[in-house]
C-alpha atoms as a PDB file:
ATOM      1  CA  ASN A   1      12.362 137.556  56.236  1.00  0.00           C
ATOM      2  CA  LYS A   2       9.697 136.614  53.788  1.00  0.00           C
ATOM      3  CA  HIS A   3      12.247 136.838  50.777  1.00  0.00           C
ATOM      4  CA  GLY A   4      14.371 134.167  52.567  1.00  0.00           C
ATOM      5  CA  GLN A   5      17.159 136.937  53.073  1.00  0.00           C
ATOM      6  CA  VAL A   6      19.129 136.638  56.432  1.00  0.00           C
ATOM      7  CA  ALA A   7      20.005 140.044  57.985  1.00  0.00           C
ATOM      8  CA  GLY A   8      22.920 138.316  59.732  1.00  0.00           C
ATOM      9  CA  ARG A   9      23.974 137.819  63.473  1.00  0.00           C
ATOM     10  CA  CYS A  10      23.398 140.402  65.932  1.00  0.00           C
ATOM     11  CA  LEU A  11      23.749 140.751  69.531  1.00  0.00           C
ATOM     12  CA  ALA A  12      20.880 142.247  71.851  1.00  0.00           C
ATOM     13  CA  LEU A  13      19.703 142.794  75.156  1.00  0.00           C
ATOM     14  CA  VAL A  14      16.452 140.849  75.514  1.00  0.00           C
ATOM     15  CA  PRO A  15      14.513 141.413  78.695  1.00  0.00           C
ATOM     16  CA  VAL A  16      13.825 138.079  80.739  1.00  0.00           C
ATOM     17  CA  MET A  17      16.270 135.868  78.565  1.00  0.00           C
ATOM     18  CA  ASP A  18      19.045 136.686  80.996  1.00  0.00           C
ATOM     19  CA  MET A  19      16.958 134.550  83.611  1.00  0.00           C
ATOM     20  CA  VAL A  20      17.255 131.331  81.423  1.00  0.00           C
ATOM     21  CA  ASN A  21      19.447 128.740  83.076  1.00  0.00           C
ATOM     22  CA  HIS A  22      22.427 127.167  81.545  1.00  0.00           C
ATOM     23  CA  GLY A  23      22.290 123.825  80.003  1.00  0.00           C
ATOM     24  CA  ALA A  24      24.968 121.675  78.812  1.00  0.00           C
ATOM     25  CA  GLU A  25      23.516 121.141  75.202  1.00  0.00           C
ATOM     26  CA  LEU A  26      21.867 123.446  72.776  1.00  0.00           C
ATOM     27  CA  GLU A  27      18.099 123.002  73.449  1.00  0.00           C
ATOM     28  CA  HIS A  28      16.609 126.119  71.668  1.00  0.00           C
ATOM     29  CA  GLY A  29      17.481 129.024  69.534  1.00  0.00           C
ATOM     30  CA  VAL A  30      16.493 132.684  69.842  1.00  0.00           C
ATOM     31  CA  PHE A  31      15.507 134.494  66.659  1.00  0.00           C
ATOM     32  CA  TYR A  32      14.616 138.069  65.816  1.00  0.00           C
ATOM     33  CA  ASP A  33      11.724 138.426  63.343  1.00  0.00           C
ATOM     34  CA  ASP A  34      11.837 141.669  61.591  1.00  0.00           C
ATOM     35  CA  GLU A  35       8.556 141.235  59.818  1.00  0.00           C
ATOM     36  CA  THR A  36       6.748 141.016  63.149  1.00  0.00           C
ATOM     37  CA  ASP A  37       9.456 142.951  65.333  1.00  0.00           C
ATOM     38  CA  THR A  38       9.399 140.235  67.837  1.00  0.00           C
ATOM     39  CA  VAL A  39      12.031 137.830  69.429  1.00  0.00           C
ATOM     40  CA  LYS A  40      11.093 134.079  69.053  1.00  0.00           C
ATOM     41  CA  VAL A  41      12.309 131.095  70.654  1.00  0.00           C
ATOM     42  CA  ALA A  42      12.283 127.756  68.831  1.00  0.00           C
ATOM     43  CA  CYS A  43      13.015 124.467  70.836  1.00  0.00           C
ATOM     44  CA  THR A  44      15.379 121.852  69.131  1.00  0.00           C
ATOM     45  CA  ILE A  45      14.080 119.078  71.512  1.00  0.00           C
ATOM     46  CA  ASP A  46      10.620 118.025  72.628  1.00  0.00           C
ATOM     47  CA  THR A  47       9.394 120.200  75.399  1.00  0.00           C
ATOM     48  CA  LYS A  48       6.424 119.704  77.532  1.00  0.00           C
ATOM     49  CA  VAL A  49       4.163 122.578  78.921  1.00  0.00           C
ATOM     50  CA  GLY A  50       5.739 123.805  82.126  1.00  0.00           C
ATOM     51  CA  GLU A  51       9.085 122.194  81.522  1.00  0.00           C
ATOM     52  CA  GLU A  52      12.325 124.261  81.939  1.00  0.00           C
ATOM     53  CA  VAL A  53      14.025 125.311  78.727  1.00  0.00           C
ATOM     54  CA  ARG A  54      17.757 126.052  79.180  1.00  0.00           C
ATOM     55  CA  MET A  55      20.095 127.993  77.082  1.00  0.00           C
ATOM     56  CA  TYR A  56      23.452 126.871  76.068  1.00  0.00           C
ATOM     57  CA  TYR A  57      25.945 129.511  77.080  1.00  0.00           C
ATOM     58  CA  GLY A  58      28.483 128.076  75.020  1.00  0.00           C
ATOM     59  CA  ASP A  59      31.775 125.908  75.559  1.00  0.00           C
ATOM     60  CA  ARG A  60      33.148 127.875  78.450  1.00  0.00           C
ATOM     61  CA  THR A  61      35.320 127.071  81.541  1.00  0.00           C
ATOM     62  CA  ASN A  62      33.759 128.030  84.997  1.00  0.00           C
ATOM     63  CA  GLN A  63      36.080 130.931  85.082  1.00  0.00           C
ATOM     64  CA  GLU A  64      34.588 132.279  81.836  1.00  0.00           C
ATOM     65  CA  LEU A  65      31.103 131.558  82.885  1.00  0.00           C
ATOM     66  CA  LEU A  66      31.719 133.655  86.009  1.00  0.00           C
ATOM     67  CA  VAL A  67      33.349 136.559  84.188  1.00  0.00           C
ATOM     68  CA  HIS A  68      30.785 136.745  81.255  1.00  0.00           C
ATOM     69  CA  SER A  69      27.450 135.200  82.729  1.00  0.00           C
ATOM     70  CA  GLY A  70      27.984 135.670  86.482  1.00  0.00           C
ATOM     71  CA  PHE A  71      27.631 132.013  87.599  1.00  0.00           C
ATOM     72  CA  LEU A  72      29.585 128.665  87.798  1.00  0.00           C
ATOM     73  CA  ALA A  73      28.125 125.441  86.063  1.00  0.00           C
ATOM     74  CA  ASN A  74      29.908 123.141  88.635  1.00  0.00           C
END
């Protein structure tokens, strides 16, 4: 927030974010801004307009990805 305080980590269901494809590296962060009551995505790499942004689902085996996220990486 504007005072530099961090509320902590939370889990949330964010519409449309479940459609983001998995990437092997962290390419962006997702943050909740309590001042504007919005979810924001900040890219950690240079991204051009129209370029796909992928989400790092974590260091998981294909079995874990299938159980937790419903897909296989390879």
